[in-house]
Amino acid sequence: MWWRHLPQDRQLTSPELAAVPDEELRKKLLERYKGWHEPIGTFLANTPAIIKTNIYEAPPLPAWHKDRVVLIGDAAHAMSPSGGQGASLALEDAIYLVKLFRQFSGEFEPVFAEFERGRRPRAAKISAWAHNNETRQRVEMGPLGCWLRDRVLSVVLPLFGERNLDWMYNYRIAWDA
């Protein structure tokens, strides 16, 4: 599966989206990614059907819990799919919630309050990161610019790239505090 957000001047209605022929959209995608490395062109050219939908971001909720009900995952902190972290955050939420229930011996209110206190900052940070991915403007580069970018990234990414995203990908929930 792959996806791509193509910004529009205005939001298209569901019937307008459905009326866009796959071949027209495929041509737009192929033009946008013309000159990119393989297998991008092959994926675009050979995708049999394209699902077209609007993308929405949900504003932060004022609270994730009330009484004996708590929201986790997208129900608590839905975000743009451009971060690719929705399922990961939902799994983290579930693990953290179980850890708290062990710690607080099944008392709902302190568990839910601590859950929200502990998880809200991480969800907000990843949501902001996803929003930035969604709204970042693509910079057009010529062949020389692409060549230079690739050479610089081949040096910079091995040195700093992994550590730069440690906050997201190397996150751990300490099971026994």
N, C-alpha and C. Protein backbone atom coordinates (compact mmCIF):
# COMPACT_ATOMS: atom_id res chain seq x y z
N MET A 1 0.85 -1.17 0.00
CA MET A 1 0.00 0.00 0.00
C MET A 1 0.89 1.24 0.00
N TRP A 2 0.47 2.25 -0.66
CA TRP A 2 1.14 3.54 -0.63
C TRP A 2 0.07 4.61 -0.63
N TRP A 3 0.42 5.80 -0.21
CA TRP A 3 -0.51 6.91 -0.29
C TRP A 3 0.25 8.19 -0.53
N ARG A 4 -0.47 9.16 -1.05
CA ARG A 4 0.11 10.46 -1.32
C ARG A 4 -0.99 11.49 -1.22
N HIS A 5 -0.67 12.59 -0.57
CA HIS A 5 -1.60 13.69 -0.45
C HIS A 5 -1.26 14.71 -1.53
N LEU A 6 -2.22 15.02 -2.36
CA LEU A 6 -2.04 16.05 -3.37
C LEU A 6 -2.89 17.26 -2.95
N PRO A 7 -2.25 18.31 -2.46
CA PRO A 7 -3.01 19.47 -2.01
C PRO A 7 -3.87 20.05 -3.14
N GLN A 8 -5.05 20.50 -2.80
CA GLN A 8 -6.00 21.10 -3.74
C GLN A 8 -6.27 22.54 -3.32
N ASP A 9 -6.72 23.34 -4.25
CA ASP A 9 -7.08 24.73 -3.92
C ASP A 9 -8.29 24.79 -3.00
N ARG A 10 -9.16 23.80 -3.14
CA ARG A 10 -10.34 23.72 -2.28
C ARG A 10 -10.63 22.25 -2.01
N GLN A 11 -11.37 21.99 -0.94
CA GLN A 11 -11.74 20.61 -0.62
C GLN A 11 -12.77 20.12 -1.62
N LEU A 12 -12.50 18.95 -2.18
CA LEU A 12 -13.44 18.35 -3.12
C LEU A 12 -14.49 17.56 -2.35
N THR A 13 -15.71 17.58 -2.84
CA THR A 13 -16.77 16.78 -2.23
C THR A 13 -16.55 15.32 -2.59
N SER A 14 -17.22 14.42 -1.89
CA SER A 14 -17.09 12.99 -2.20
C SER A 14 -17.46 12.69 -3.65
N PRO A 15 -18.58 13.24 -4.18
CA PRO A 15 -18.88 12.98 -5.60
C PRO A 15 -17.81 13.54 -6.54
N GLU A 16 -17.25 14.71 -6.22
CA GLU A 16 -16.19 15.28 -7.06
C GLU A 16 -14.95 14.39 -7.04
N LEU A 17 -14.59 13.89 -5.86
CA LEU A 17 -13.45 12.98 -5.76
C LEU A 17 -13.69 11.71 -6.58
N ALA A 18 -14.85 11.15 -6.43
CA ALA A 18 -15.18 9.90 -7.14
C ALA A 18 -15.17 10.12 -8.66
N ALA A 19 -15.48 11.34 -9.11
CA ALA A 19 -15.55 11.63 -10.55
C ALA A 19 -14.17 11.80 -11.19
N VAL A 20 -13.12 11.97 -10.38
CA VAL A 20 -11.78 12.12 -10.94
C VAL A 20 -11.32 10.75 -11.45
N PRO A 21 -11.11 10.61 -12.76
CA PRO A 21 -10.68 9.31 -13.28
C PRO A 21 -9.30 8.93 -12.75
N ASP A 22 -9.12 7.63 -12.47
CA ASP A 22 -7.82 7.15 -11.98
C ASP A 22 -6.69 7.54 -12.94
N GLU A 23 -6.95 7.46 -14.24
CA GLU A 23 -5.88 7.78 -15.21
C GLU A 23 -5.47 9.25 -15.14
N GLU A 24 -6.42 10.14 -14.89
CA GLU A 24 -6.09 11.56 -14.75
C GLU A 24 -5.22 11.78 -13.50
N LEU A 25 -5.61 11.15 -12.42
CA LEU A 25 -4.84 11.26 -11.19
C LEU A 25 -3.47 10.61 -11.34
N ARG A 26 -3.42 9.48 -12.01
CA ARG A 26 -2.15 8.79 -12.26
C ARG A 26 -1.20 9.70 -13.07
N LYS A 27 -1.73 10.39 -14.08
CA LYS A 27 -0.91 11.31 -14.88
C LYS A 27 -0.34 12.43 -14.02
N LYS A 28 -1.19 12.99 -13.13
CA LYS A 28 -0.73 14.04 -12.22
C LYS A 28 0.40 13.51 -11.31
N LEU A 29 0.21 12.32 -10.79
CA LEU A 29 1.22 11.72 -9.91
C LEU A 29 2.51 11.44 -10.66
N LEU A 30 2.39 10.87 -11.86
CA LEU A 30 3.58 10.57 -12.66
C LEU A 30 4.33 11.85 -13.02
N GLU A 31 3.61 12.92 -13.31
CA GLU A 31 4.27 14.20 -13.61
C GLU A 31 4.96 14.76 -12.37
N ARG A 32 4.26 14.68 -11.24
CA ARG A 32 4.83 15.21 -10.00
C ARG A 32 6.11 14.48 -9.61
N TYR A 33 6.16 13.17 -9.87
CA TYR A 33 7.32 12.37 -9.47
C TYR A 33 8.22 11.99 -10.64
N LYS A 34 8.08 12.69 -11.74
CA LYS A 34 8.94 12.46 -12.90
C LYS A 34 10.40 12.68 -12.50
N GLY A 35 11.24 11.71 -12.84
CA GLY A 35 12.66 11.82 -12.53
C GLY A 35 13.05 11.26 -11.18
N TRP A 36 12.07 10.85 -10.36
CA TRP A 36 12.40 10.25 -9.08
C TRP A 36 12.90 8.83 -9.33
N HIS A 37 13.64 8.30 -8.35
CA HIS A 37 14.22 6.96 -8.50
C HIS A 37 13.16 5.88 -8.52
N GLU A 38 13.53 4.75 -9.09
CA GLU A 38 12.65 3.58 -9.08
C GLU A 38 12.65 3.01 -7.67
N PRO A 39 11.58 2.42 -7.25
CA PRO A 39 10.43 1.94 -8.01
C PRO A 39 9.24 2.90 -8.01
N ILE A 40 9.43 4.19 -7.72
CA ILE A 40 8.30 5.11 -7.59
C ILE A 40 7.46 5.15 -8.86
N GLY A 41 8.10 5.37 -10.02
CA GLY A 41 7.34 5.42 -11.27
C GLY A 41 6.61 4.13 -11.55
N THR A 42 7.25 3.00 -11.25
CA THR A 42 6.63 1.70 -11.48
C THR A 42 5.41 1.51 -10.60
N PHE A 43 5.52 1.89 -9.32
CA PHE A 43 4.36 1.80 -8.42
C PHE A 43 3.20 2.62 -8.96
N LEU A 44 3.49 3.87 -9.34
CA LEU A 44 2.44 4.76 -9.81
C LEU A 44 1.80 4.22 -11.09
N ALA A 45 2.62 3.78 -12.03
CA ALA A 45 2.11 3.31 -13.32
C ALA A 45 1.31 2.02 -13.19
N ASN A 46 1.63 1.18 -12.21
CA ASN A 46 1.01 -0.15 -12.12
C ASN A 46 -0.03 -0.30 -11.02
N THR A 47 -0.36 0.77 -10.33
CA THR A 47 -1.40 0.67 -9.31
C THR A 47 -2.75 0.53 -10.02
N PRO A 48 -3.47 -0.58 -9.79
CA PRO A 48 -4.69 -0.83 -10.56
C PRO A 48 -5.84 0.14 -10.25
N ALA A 49 -6.00 0.51 -9.00
CA ALA A 49 -7.09 1.41 -8.62
C ALA A 49 -6.57 2.37 -7.55
N ILE A 50 -7.05 3.59 -7.59
CA ILE A 50 -6.60 4.60 -6.64
C ILE A 50 -7.80 5.01 -5.78
N ILE A 51 -7.62 4.91 -4.48
CA ILE A 51 -8.67 5.33 -3.55
C ILE A 51 -8.49 6.83 -3.32
N LYS A 52 -9.56 7.57 -3.50
CA LYS A 52 -9.50 9.03 -3.37
C LYS A 52 -10.35 9.46 -2.17
N THR A 53 -9.73 10.19 -1.28
CA THR A 53 -10.44 10.65 -0.10
C THR A 53 -9.81 11.94 0.41
N ASN A 54 -10.57 12.71 1.16
CA ASN A 54 -10.02 13.88 1.82
C ASN A 54 -9.31 13.45 3.09
N ILE A 55 -8.34 14.24 3.49
CA ILE A 55 -7.60 13.97 4.73
C ILE A 55 -7.93 15.08 5.72
N TYR A 56 -8.23 14.68 6.94
CA TYR A 56 -8.56 15.64 7.98
C TYR A 56 -7.65 15.43 9.18
N GLU A 57 -7.41 16.50 9.88
CA GLU A 57 -6.72 16.42 11.16
C GLU A 57 -7.73 16.83 12.23
N ALA A 58 -7.74 16.11 13.32
CA ALA A 58 -8.66 16.42 14.41
C ALA A 58 -7.96 17.33 15.42
N PRO A 59 -8.66 18.36 15.90
CA PRO A 59 -8.05 19.20 16.94
C PRO A 59 -7.91 18.40 18.24
N PRO A 60 -6.97 18.77 19.10
CA PRO A 60 -6.80 18.05 20.37
C PRO A 60 -8.08 18.09 21.20
N LEU A 61 -8.38 16.97 21.84
CA LEU A 61 -9.53 16.90 22.73
C LEU A 61 -9.18 17.54 24.07
N PRO A 62 -10.16 18.15 24.74
CA PRO A 62 -9.86 18.74 26.05
C PRO A 62 -9.56 17.68 27.11
N ALA A 63 -10.13 16.48 26.96
CA ALA A 63 -9.88 15.40 27.92
C ALA A 63 -9.99 14.06 27.19
N TRP A 64 -9.24 13.10 27.65
CA TRP A 64 -9.27 11.76 27.05
C TRP A 64 -10.06 10.78 27.91
N HIS A 65 -10.53 11.21 29.07
CA HIS A 65 -11.24 10.27 29.93
C HIS A 65 -12.34 10.99 30.70
N LYS A 66 -13.34 10.20 31.07
CA LYS A 66 -14.42 10.67 31.93
C LYS A 66 -14.99 9.45 32.63
N ASP A 67 -15.10 9.54 33.93
CA ASP A 67 -15.62 8.44 34.75
C ASP A 67 -14.82 7.17 34.45
N ARG A 68 -15.51 6.11 33.99
CA ARG A 68 -14.84 4.82 33.76
C ARG A 68 -14.54 4.57 32.29
N VAL A 69 -14.47 5.64 31.49
CA VAL A 69 -14.20 5.52 30.06
C VAL A 69 -12.94 6.31 29.72
N VAL A 70 -12.04 5.68 28.96
CA VAL A 70 -10.84 6.36 28.49
C VAL A 70 -10.69 6.10 26.99
N LEU A 71 -10.25 7.12 26.28
CA LEU A 71 -9.99 6.99 24.85
C LEU A 71 -8.50 6.75 24.64
N ILE A 72 -8.18 5.88 23.71
CA ILE A 72 -6.78 5.65 23.35
C ILE A 72 -6.66 5.69 21.82
N GLY A 73 -5.44 5.72 21.34
CA GLY A 73 -5.20 5.70 19.90
C GLY A 73 -5.85 6.88 19.20
N ASP A 74 -6.33 6.64 17.97
CA ASP A 74 -6.94 7.70 17.18
C ASP A 74 -8.16 8.31 17.85
N ALA A 75 -8.86 7.57 18.70
CA ALA A 75 -10.02 8.13 19.39
C ALA A 75 -9.60 9.27 20.31
N ALA A 76 -8.38 9.20 20.85
CA ALA A 76 -7.88 10.25 21.74
C ALA A 76 -7.06 11.29 21.00
N HIS A 77 -6.28 10.86 20.01
CA HIS A 77 -5.32 11.78 19.38
C HIS A 77 -5.14 11.48 17.89
N ALA A 78 -6.24 11.58 17.14
CA ALA A 78 -6.17 11.34 15.70
C ALA A 78 -5.28 12.40 15.05
N MET A 79 -4.51 11.97 14.06
CA MET A 79 -3.60 12.90 13.39
C MET A 79 -3.50 12.56 11.92
N SER A 80 -2.81 13.40 11.20
CA SER A 80 -2.60 13.17 9.77
C SER A 80 -1.88 11.84 9.57
N PRO A 81 -2.25 11.10 8.53
CA PRO A 81 -1.53 9.86 8.24
C PRO A 81 -0.11 10.10 7.73
N SER A 82 0.25 11.36 7.51
CA SER A 82 1.57 11.69 6.97
C SER A 82 2.70 11.44 7.97
N GLY A 83 2.38 11.11 9.19
CA GLY A 83 3.40 10.75 10.17
C GLY A 83 3.65 9.26 10.21
N GLY A 84 2.69 8.48 9.75
CA GLY A 84 2.84 7.03 9.75
C GLY A 84 2.98 6.44 11.15
N GLN A 85 2.40 7.11 12.15
CA GLN A 85 2.59 6.67 13.53
C GLN A 85 1.30 6.36 14.27
N GLY A 86 0.15 6.40 13.59
CA GLY A 86 -1.13 6.20 14.28
C GLY A 86 -1.23 4.86 14.99
N ALA A 87 -0.94 3.77 14.28
CA ALA A 87 -1.04 2.44 14.90
C ALA A 87 0.01 2.26 15.99
N SER A 88 1.20 2.80 15.76
CA SER A 88 2.26 2.69 16.77
C SER A 88 1.85 3.38 18.07
N LEU A 89 1.29 4.58 17.95
CA LEU A 89 0.85 5.29 19.16
C LEU A 89 -0.27 4.55 19.86
N ALA A 90 -1.18 3.95 19.10
CA ALA A 90 -2.27 3.19 19.72
C ALA A 90 -1.72 1.99 20.50
N LEU A 91 -0.73 1.30 19.95
CA LEU A 91 -0.12 0.18 20.66
C LEU A 91 0.62 0.65 21.91
N GLU A 92 1.35 1.77 21.77
CA GLU A 92 2.02 2.34 22.95
C GLU A 92 0.99 2.67 24.03
N ASP A 93 -0.12 3.30 23.62
CA ASP A 93 -1.18 3.65 24.58
C ASP A 93 -1.66 2.41 25.33
N ALA A 94 -1.91 1.34 24.60
CA ALA A 94 -2.43 0.11 25.22
C ALA A 94 -1.42 -0.45 26.22
N ILE A 95 -0.15 -0.48 25.85
CA ILE A 95 0.88 -1.00 26.75
C ILE A 95 0.99 -0.12 28.00
N TYR A 96 0.98 1.18 27.80
CA TYR A 96 1.10 2.11 28.93
C TYR A 96 -0.10 2.00 29.86
N LEU A 97 -1.28 1.82 29.28
CA LEU A 97 -2.49 1.69 30.09
C LEU A 97 -2.44 0.42 30.94
N VAL A 98 -2.03 -0.68 30.36
CA VAL A 98 -1.90 -1.93 31.12
C VAL A 98 -0.87 -1.77 32.24
N LYS A 99 0.24 -1.13 31.93
CA LYS A 99 1.27 -0.88 32.95
C LYS A 99 0.67 -0.10 34.13
N LEU A 100 -0.11 0.93 33.82
CA LEU A 100 -0.70 1.75 34.88
C LEU A 100 -1.72 0.97 35.69
N PHE A 101 -2.51 0.11 35.05
CA PHE A 101 -3.47 -0.70 35.80
C PHE A 101 -2.75 -1.64 36.76
N ARG A 102 -1.61 -2.17 36.36
CA ARG A 102 -0.80 -3.00 37.26
C ARG A 102 -0.32 -2.17 38.44
N GLN A 103 0.11 -0.97 38.14
CA GLN A 103 0.70 -0.08 39.15
C GLN A 103 -0.33 0.43 40.15
N PHE A 104 -1.54 0.76 39.67
CA PHE A 104 -2.56 1.36 40.53
C PHE A 104 -3.62 0.36 40.98
N SER A 105 -3.42 -0.90 40.77
CA SER A 105 -4.33 -1.96 41.23
C SER A 105 -5.77 -1.77 40.78
N GLY A 106 -5.97 -1.37 39.54
CA GLY A 106 -7.30 -1.33 38.97
C GLY A 106 -8.15 -0.12 39.31
N GLU A 107 -7.62 0.90 39.96
CA GLU A 107 -8.41 2.10 40.24
C GLU A 107 -8.48 2.95 38.97
N PHE A 108 -9.68 3.23 38.51
CA PHE A 108 -9.84 3.89 37.21
C PHE A 108 -9.35 5.33 37.18
N GLU A 109 -9.83 6.17 38.07
CA GLU A 109 -9.54 7.61 37.99
C GLU A 109 -8.04 7.92 38.01
N PRO A 110 -7.26 7.38 38.96
CA PRO A 110 -5.83 7.70 38.92
C PRO A 110 -5.12 7.13 37.70
N VAL A 111 -5.57 5.97 37.24
CA VAL A 111 -4.98 5.36 36.04
C VAL A 111 -5.24 6.25 34.84
N PHE A 112 -6.48 6.66 34.65
CA PHE A 112 -6.81 7.45 33.46
C PHE A 112 -6.16 8.83 33.51
N ALA A 113 -6.11 9.44 34.68
CA ALA A 113 -5.46 10.75 34.80
C ALA A 113 -3.97 10.64 34.50
N GLU A 114 -3.31 9.62 35.03
CA GLU A 114 -1.88 9.43 34.78
C GLU A 114 -1.63 9.04 33.33
N PHE A 115 -2.53 8.25 32.76
CA PHE A 115 -2.40 7.88 31.35
C PHE A 115 -2.39 9.14 30.47
N GLU A 116 -3.35 10.00 30.68
CA GLU A 116 -3.43 11.22 29.86
C GLU A 116 -2.23 12.13 30.11
N ARG A 117 -1.84 12.28 31.37
CA ARG A 117 -0.68 13.11 31.69
C ARG A 117 0.59 12.57 31.04
N GLY A 118 0.73 11.26 31.05
CA GLY A 118 1.94 10.66 30.52
C GLY A 118 1.99 10.56 29.00
N ARG A 119 0.84 10.43 28.36
CA ARG A 119 0.81 10.19 26.91
C ARG A 119 0.55 11.44 26.06
N ARG A 120 -0.13 12.43 26.63
CA ARG A 120 -0.52 13.60 25.84
C ARG A 120 0.69 14.32 25.21
N PRO A 121 1.79 14.55 25.93
CA PRO A 121 2.93 15.26 25.31
C PRO A 121 3.51 14.52 24.10
N ARG A 122 3.64 13.21 24.21
CA ARG A 122 4.19 12.44 23.08
C ARG A 122 3.24 12.46 21.89
N ALA A 123 1.96 12.28 22.14
CA ALA A 123 0.98 12.31 21.05
C ALA A 123 0.96 13.69 20.38
N ALA A 124 1.06 14.75 21.17
CA ALA A 124 1.07 16.10 20.61
C ALA A 124 2.32 16.34 19.76
N LYS A 125 3.46 15.85 20.21
CA LYS A 125 4.70 16.04 19.46
C LYS A 125 4.65 15.29 18.13
N ILE A 126 4.17 14.06 18.14
CA ILE A 126 4.08 13.28 16.91
C ILE A 126 3.01 13.86 15.98
N SER A 127 1.92 14.35 16.55
CA SER A 127 0.88 14.98 15.75
C SER A 127 1.42 16.22 15.05
N ALA A 128 2.21 17.03 15.75
CA ALA A 128 2.83 18.22 15.15
C ALA A 128 3.80 17.82 14.04
N TRP A 129 4.55 16.75 14.27
CA TRP A 129 5.49 16.25 13.27
C TRP A 129 4.74 15.79 12.02
N ALA A 130 3.63 15.06 12.22
CA ALA A 130 2.82 14.59 11.09
C ALA A 130 2.22 15.77 10.33
N HIS A 131 1.75 16.77 11.07
CA HIS A 131 1.18 17.97 10.43
C HIS A 131 2.25 18.66 9.58
N ASN A 132 3.46 18.74 10.10
CA ASN A 132 4.55 19.35 9.34
C ASN A 132 4.83 18.56 8.06
N ASN A 133 4.81 17.24 8.15
CA ASN A 133 4.98 16.41 6.95
C ASN A 133 3.86 16.68 5.94
N GLU A 134 2.66 16.87 6.44
CA GLU A 134 1.49 17.08 5.59
C GLU A 134 1.55 18.42 4.86
N THR A 135 2.05 19.44 5.53
CA THR A 135 1.98 20.80 5.00
C THR A 135 3.29 21.29 4.41
N ARG A 136 4.35 20.50 4.54
CA ARG A 136 5.65 20.92 4.01
C ARG A 136 5.56 21.15 2.51
N GLN A 137 6.13 22.23 2.06
CA GLN A 137 6.13 22.53 0.64
C GLN A 137 7.27 21.80 -0.06
N ARG A 138 6.97 21.22 -1.18
CA ARG A 138 7.98 20.51 -1.96
C ARG A 138 8.83 21.54 -2.70
N VAL A 139 10.13 21.36 -2.64
CA VAL A 139 11.06 22.26 -3.32
C VAL A 139 11.50 21.60 -4.62
N GLU A 140 11.28 22.29 -5.72
CA GLU A 140 11.71 21.77 -7.02
C GLU A 140 13.22 21.94 -7.14
N MET A 141 13.90 20.90 -7.55
CA MET A 141 15.35 20.94 -7.73
C MET A 141 15.69 20.46 -9.13
N GLY A 142 16.68 21.06 -9.70
CA GLY A 142 17.18 20.59 -10.97
C GLY A 142 18.13 19.42 -10.76
N PRO A 143 18.69 18.88 -11.85
CA PRO A 143 19.59 17.73 -11.74
C PRO A 143 20.80 18.00 -10.84
N LEU A 144 21.39 19.19 -10.93
CA LEU A 144 22.55 19.52 -10.10
C LEU A 144 22.14 19.58 -8.62
N GLY A 145 21.00 20.20 -8.34
CA GLY A 145 20.52 20.26 -6.96
C GLY A 145 20.25 18.89 -6.38
N CYS A 146 19.65 18.00 -7.17
CA CYS A 146 19.38 16.63 -6.73
C CYS A 146 20.68 15.87 -6.47
N TRP A 147 21.64 16.04 -7.36
CA TRP A 147 22.93 15.37 -7.20
C TRP A 147 23.61 15.85 -5.91
N LEU A 148 23.61 17.16 -5.68
CA LEU A 148 24.24 17.72 -4.48
C LEU A 148 23.50 17.26 -3.22
N ARG A 149 22.16 17.31 -3.25
CA ARG A 149 21.36 16.86 -2.10
C ARG A 149 21.69 15.41 -1.75
N ASP A 150 21.72 14.55 -2.75
CA ASP A 150 22.00 13.13 -2.52
C ASP A 150 23.38 12.92 -1.92
N ARG A 151 24.38 13.67 -2.37
CA ARG A 151 25.74 13.53 -1.83
C ARG A 151 25.82 14.01 -0.39
N VAL A 152 25.18 15.13 -0.10
CA VAL A 152 25.18 15.66 1.26
C VAL A 152 24.43 14.71 2.20
N LEU A 153 23.26 14.23 1.76
CA LEU A 153 22.48 13.32 2.61
C LEU A 153 23.20 12.00 2.84
N SER A 154 23.98 11.53 1.87
CA SER A 154 24.69 10.27 2.06
C SER A 154 25.73 10.37 3.18
N VAL A 155 26.16 11.58 3.50
CA VAL A 155 27.10 11.79 4.60
C VAL A 155 26.34 12.13 5.89
N VAL A 156 25.37 13.03 5.79
CA VAL A 156 24.68 13.55 6.97
C VAL A 156 23.77 12.49 7.61
N LEU A 157 23.00 11.76 6.80
CA LEU A 157 22.05 10.79 7.38
C LEU A 157 22.72 9.71 8.22
N PRO A 158 23.81 9.07 7.74
CA PRO A 158 24.45 8.07 8.60
C PRO A 158 24.99 8.66 9.91
N LEU A 159 25.41 9.92 9.87
CA LEU A 159 25.96 10.54 11.08
C LEU A 159 24.90 11.01 12.05
N PHE A 160 23.81 11.60 11.53
CA PHE A 160 22.84 12.25 12.41
C PHE A 160 21.40 11.80 12.23
N GLY A 161 21.08 11.18 11.11
CA GLY A 161 19.69 10.87 10.79
C GLY A 161 19.01 9.98 11.79
N GLU A 162 19.66 8.89 12.17
CA GLU A 162 19.04 7.95 13.10
C GLU A 162 18.82 8.60 14.46
N ARG A 163 19.84 9.29 14.95
CA ARG A 163 19.70 9.94 16.27
C ARG A 163 18.64 11.04 16.24
N ASN A 164 18.46 11.67 15.10
CA ASN A 164 17.49 12.74 14.99
C ASN A 164 16.07 12.24 15.21
N LEU A 165 15.80 10.98 14.90
CA LEU A 165 14.46 10.42 15.06
C LEU A 165 14.37 9.41 16.21
N ASP A 166 15.40 9.34 17.04
CA ASP A 166 15.36 8.45 18.20
C ASP A 166 14.15 8.72 19.08
N TRP A 167 13.78 9.98 19.23
CA TRP A 167 12.64 10.33 20.09
C TRP A 167 11.37 9.62 19.65
N MET A 168 11.28 9.30 18.36
CA MET A 168 10.08 8.63 17.86
C MET A 168 10.26 7.13 17.77
N TYR A 169 11.33 6.67 17.17
CA TYR A 169 11.47 5.25 16.85
C TYR A 169 12.12 4.41 17.95
N ASN A 170 12.82 5.01 18.87
CA ASN A 170 13.44 4.25 19.95
C ASN A 170 12.75 4.49 21.29
N TYR A 171 11.51 4.87 21.24
CA TYR A 171 10.72 5.12 22.44
C TYR A 171 10.47 3.81 23.17
N ARG A 172 10.61 3.84 24.46
CA ARG A 172 10.39 2.64 25.29
C ARG A 172 9.50 3.00 26.47
N ILE A 173 8.65 2.07 26.83
CA ILE A 173 7.84 2.21 28.04
C ILE A 173 8.49 1.31 29.08
N ALA A 174 8.98 1.92 30.14
CA ALA A 174 9.61 1.15 31.22
C ALA A 174 8.53 0.35 31.93
N TRP A 175 8.58 -0.95 31.78
CA TRP A 175 7.51 -1.79 32.30
C TRP A 175 7.53 -1.83 33.83
N ASP A 176 8.67 -2.07 34.41
CA ASP A 176 8.78 -2.12 35.87
C ASP A 176 9.50 -0.89 36.36
N ALA A 177 8.78 -0.01 37.01
CA ALA A 177 9.37 1.26 37.46
C ALA A 177 10.09 1.07 38.79
